[in-house]
């Protein structure tokens, strides 16, 4: 992976809110599907801020661990 971050995440379109984020307006993340270099993740409260890019395999493992309840808060 060449780039670990995207300085201005609003330059990309198609962000979706995590299904694990609540509707209370608190801490939410958004992800972007189909990005060629990994999975960009940004804070929904700062759309012009940076996005971190995670390797696709690592992101998939993380999501699976969350869904299976293997991570504690």
N, C-alpha and C. Protein backbone atom coordinates (compact mmCIF):
# COMPACT_ATOMS: atom_id res chain seq x y z
N UNK A 1 0.86 -1.17 0.00
CA UNK A 1 0.00 0.00 0.00
C UNK A 1 0.90 1.23 0.00
N UNK A 2 0.65 2.14 -0.92
CA UNK A 2 1.49 3.30 -1.08
C UNK A 2 1.13 4.45 -0.15
N UNK A 3 -0.12 4.61 0.16
CA UNK A 3 -0.57 5.76 0.94
C UNK A 3 -1.32 5.31 2.19
N UNK A 4 -0.85 5.70 3.39
CA UNK A 4 -1.55 5.31 4.62
C UNK A 4 -2.73 6.20 4.96
N UNK A 5 -2.78 7.41 4.36
CA UNK A 5 -3.88 8.34 4.64
C UNK A 5 -4.28 9.09 3.38
N UNK A 6 -5.47 9.64 3.43
CA UNK A 6 -5.95 10.58 2.42
C UNK A 6 -6.14 11.89 3.18
N UNK A 7 -5.36 12.93 2.86
CA UNK A 7 -5.41 14.17 3.65
C UNK A 7 -6.80 14.82 3.73
N UNK A 8 -7.53 14.87 2.63
CA UNK A 8 -8.87 15.46 2.63
C UNK A 8 -9.85 14.41 2.11
N UNK A 9 -10.52 13.75 3.04
CA UNK A 9 -11.40 12.64 2.69
C UNK A 9 -12.62 13.06 1.88
N UNK A 10 -12.95 14.34 1.89
CA UNK A 10 -14.12 14.79 1.12
C UNK A 10 -13.84 14.77 -0.38
N UNK A 11 -12.59 14.55 -0.77
CA UNK A 11 -12.26 14.48 -2.19
C UNK A 11 -12.77 13.19 -2.84
N UNK A 12 -13.19 12.23 -2.02
CA UNK A 12 -13.73 10.96 -2.52
C UNK A 12 -15.24 10.93 -2.28
N UNK A 13 -15.95 10.23 -3.14
CA UNK A 13 -17.41 10.16 -3.02
C UNK A 13 -17.85 8.71 -2.86
N UNK A 14 -18.97 8.51 -2.15
CA UNK A 14 -19.52 7.18 -1.96
C UNK A 14 -19.34 6.65 -0.55
N UNK A 15 -19.03 7.53 0.40
CA UNK A 15 -18.85 7.12 1.79
C UNK A 15 -20.17 6.56 2.33
N UNK A 16 -20.06 5.56 3.19
CA UNK A 16 -21.25 5.04 3.86
C UNK A 16 -20.94 4.92 5.35
N UNK A 17 -21.97 5.16 6.13
CA UNK A 17 -21.83 5.10 7.58
C UNK A 17 -21.80 3.65 8.03
N UNK A 18 -20.98 3.35 9.00
CA UNK A 18 -20.90 2.00 9.54
C UNK A 18 -22.25 1.58 10.10
N UNK A 19 -22.63 0.34 9.85
CA UNK A 19 -23.89 -0.17 10.40
C UNK A 19 -23.82 -0.32 11.91
N UNK A 20 -22.62 -0.28 12.48
CA UNK A 20 -22.46 -0.37 13.93
C UNK A 20 -22.53 1.00 14.60
N UNK A 21 -22.58 2.07 13.82
CA UNK A 21 -22.72 3.41 14.37
C UNK A 21 -24.18 3.65 14.69
N UNK A 22 -24.43 4.25 15.83
CA UNK A 22 -25.81 4.53 16.22
C UNK A 22 -26.35 5.77 15.54
N UNK A 23 -27.60 6.07 15.78
CA UNK A 23 -28.24 7.25 15.20
C UNK A 23 -28.24 8.43 16.16
N UNK A 24 -27.50 8.34 17.25
CA UNK A 24 -27.50 9.39 18.26
C UNK A 24 -26.60 10.56 17.87
N UNK A 25 -25.86 10.46 16.78
CA UNK A 25 -24.98 11.55 16.37
C UNK A 25 -23.64 11.57 17.09
N UNK A 26 -23.31 10.52 17.75
CA UNK A 26 -22.05 10.46 18.48
C UNK A 26 -20.90 10.01 17.61
N UNK A 27 -20.09 9.12 18.13
CA UNK A 27 -18.92 8.64 17.42
C UNK A 27 -19.31 7.72 16.28
N UNK A 28 -19.07 8.16 15.06
CA UNK A 28 -19.43 7.38 13.89
C UNK A 28 -18.25 7.33 12.93
N UNK A 29 -18.14 6.22 12.26
CA UNK A 29 -17.15 6.14 11.20
C UNK A 29 -17.86 5.88 9.88
N UNK A 30 -17.18 6.27 8.82
CA UNK A 30 -17.67 6.00 7.48
C UNK A 30 -16.58 5.27 6.73
N UNK A 31 -16.97 4.37 5.86
CA UNK A 31 -16.03 3.62 5.04
C UNK A 31 -16.36 3.84 3.57
N UNK A 32 -15.38 3.61 2.73
CA UNK A 32 -15.55 3.77 1.29
C UNK A 32 -15.22 2.45 0.62
N UNK A 33 -16.23 1.86 -0.01
CA UNK A 33 -16.04 0.60 -0.73
C UNK A 33 -15.44 0.85 -2.10
N UNK A 34 -14.67 -0.11 -2.58
CA UNK A 34 -14.17 -0.06 -3.95
C UNK A 34 -12.93 0.77 -4.17
N UNK A 35 -12.30 1.25 -3.11
CA UNK A 35 -11.06 2.02 -3.26
C UNK A 35 -9.95 1.05 -3.62
N UNK A 36 -9.15 1.32 -4.62
CA UNK A 36 -8.20 0.32 -5.12
C UNK A 36 -7.04 -0.01 -4.18
N UNK A 37 -6.71 0.89 -3.26
CA UNK A 37 -5.52 0.67 -2.42
C UNK A 37 -5.83 0.22 -1.00
N UNK A 38 -7.05 -0.19 -0.72
CA UNK A 38 -7.42 -0.62 0.62
C UNK A 38 -8.80 -0.10 0.98
N UNK A 39 -9.05 0.06 2.28
CA UNK A 39 -10.36 0.52 2.77
C UNK A 39 -10.17 1.83 3.52
N UNK A 40 -10.57 2.95 2.92
CA UNK A 40 -10.50 4.23 3.63
C UNK A 40 -11.57 4.30 4.72
N UNK A 41 -11.20 4.87 5.86
CA UNK A 41 -12.10 5.04 7.00
C UNK A 41 -11.93 6.47 7.50
N UNK A 42 -13.06 7.16 7.72
CA UNK A 42 -12.99 8.54 8.22
C UNK A 42 -13.99 8.75 9.34
N UNK A 43 -13.79 9.82 10.09
CA UNK A 43 -14.71 10.25 11.14
C UNK A 43 -15.85 11.01 10.47
N UNK A 44 -17.07 10.58 10.68
CA UNK A 44 -18.22 11.22 10.01
C UNK A 44 -18.41 12.67 10.44
N UNK A 45 -17.89 13.04 11.60
CA UNK A 45 -18.03 14.42 12.08
C UNK A 45 -17.01 15.35 11.43
N UNK A 46 -16.02 14.79 10.72
CA UNK A 46 -14.98 15.61 10.08
C UNK A 46 -14.77 15.15 8.64
N UNK A 47 -15.76 15.34 7.76
CA UNK A 47 -15.66 14.82 6.40
C UNK A 47 -14.52 15.42 5.59
N UNK A 48 -14.07 16.64 5.92
CA UNK A 48 -12.94 17.23 5.22
C UNK A 48 -11.61 16.81 5.83
N UNK A 49 -11.66 16.10 6.94
CA UNK A 49 -10.45 15.65 7.60
C UNK A 49 -9.83 14.47 6.87
N UNK A 50 -8.81 13.90 7.47
CA UNK A 50 -8.13 12.77 6.83
C UNK A 50 -8.91 11.47 6.95
N UNK A 51 -8.57 10.55 6.09
CA UNK A 51 -9.08 9.18 6.17
C UNK A 51 -7.87 8.26 6.30
N UNK A 52 -7.98 7.27 7.14
CA UNK A 52 -6.95 6.25 7.24
C UNK A 52 -7.27 5.15 6.24
N UNK A 53 -6.25 4.59 5.62
CA UNK A 53 -6.46 3.51 4.67
C UNK A 53 -5.91 2.23 5.27
N UNK A 54 -6.78 1.24 5.41
CA UNK A 54 -6.40 -0.05 5.97
C UNK A 54 -6.29 -1.08 4.85
N UNK A 55 -5.35 -2.01 4.95
CA UNK A 55 -5.30 -3.09 3.96
C UNK A 55 -6.63 -3.85 3.97
N UNK A 56 -7.11 -4.23 2.81
CA UNK A 56 -8.42 -4.89 2.71
C UNK A 56 -8.53 -6.13 3.59
N UNK A 57 -7.51 -6.98 3.58
CA UNK A 57 -7.55 -8.21 4.39
C UNK A 57 -7.61 -7.89 5.88
N UNK A 58 -6.86 -6.89 6.31
CA UNK A 58 -6.87 -6.49 7.72
C UNK A 58 -8.22 -5.93 8.13
N UNK A 59 -8.84 -5.13 7.27
CA UNK A 59 -10.15 -4.56 7.57
C UNK A 59 -11.19 -5.67 7.67
N UNK A 60 -11.14 -6.62 6.75
CA UNK A 60 -12.08 -7.75 6.78
C UNK A 60 -11.93 -8.54 8.08
N UNK A 61 -10.70 -8.78 8.50
CA UNK A 61 -10.46 -9.50 9.77
C UNK A 61 -11.02 -8.72 10.96
N UNK A 62 -10.82 -7.41 10.96
CA UNK A 62 -11.32 -6.56 12.04
C UNK A 62 -12.85 -6.61 12.10
N UNK A 63 -13.52 -6.45 10.96
CA UNK A 63 -14.98 -6.46 10.92
C UNK A 63 -15.52 -7.82 11.38
N UNK A 64 -14.88 -8.89 10.96
CA UNK A 64 -15.29 -10.23 11.38
C UNK A 64 -15.15 -10.39 12.89
N UNK A 65 -14.05 -9.90 13.45
CA UNK A 65 -13.84 -9.99 14.90
C UNK A 65 -14.90 -9.20 15.66
N UNK A 66 -15.27 -8.03 15.15
CA UNK A 66 -16.31 -7.23 15.80
C UNK A 66 -17.65 -7.97 15.75
N UNK A 67 -18.01 -8.45 14.57
CA UNK A 67 -19.29 -9.16 14.41
C UNK A 67 -19.37 -10.40 15.28
N UNK A 68 -18.23 -11.09 15.46
CA UNK A 68 -18.21 -12.34 16.24
C UNK A 68 -18.07 -12.07 17.74
N UNK A 69 -17.94 -10.80 18.14
CA UNK A 69 -17.84 -10.45 19.56
C UNK A 69 -16.49 -10.74 20.18
N UNK A 70 -15.45 -10.80 19.38
CA UNK A 70 -14.11 -11.12 19.89
C UNK A 70 -13.36 -9.89 20.42
N UNK A 71 -13.92 -8.71 20.25
CA UNK A 71 -13.28 -7.49 20.73
C UNK A 71 -14.13 -6.88 21.83
N UNK A 72 -13.51 -6.47 22.89
CA UNK A 72 -14.27 -5.83 23.97
C UNK A 72 -14.07 -4.32 23.89
N UNK A 73 -15.01 -3.61 24.46
CA UNK A 73 -14.97 -2.13 24.44
C UNK A 73 -14.04 -1.64 25.50
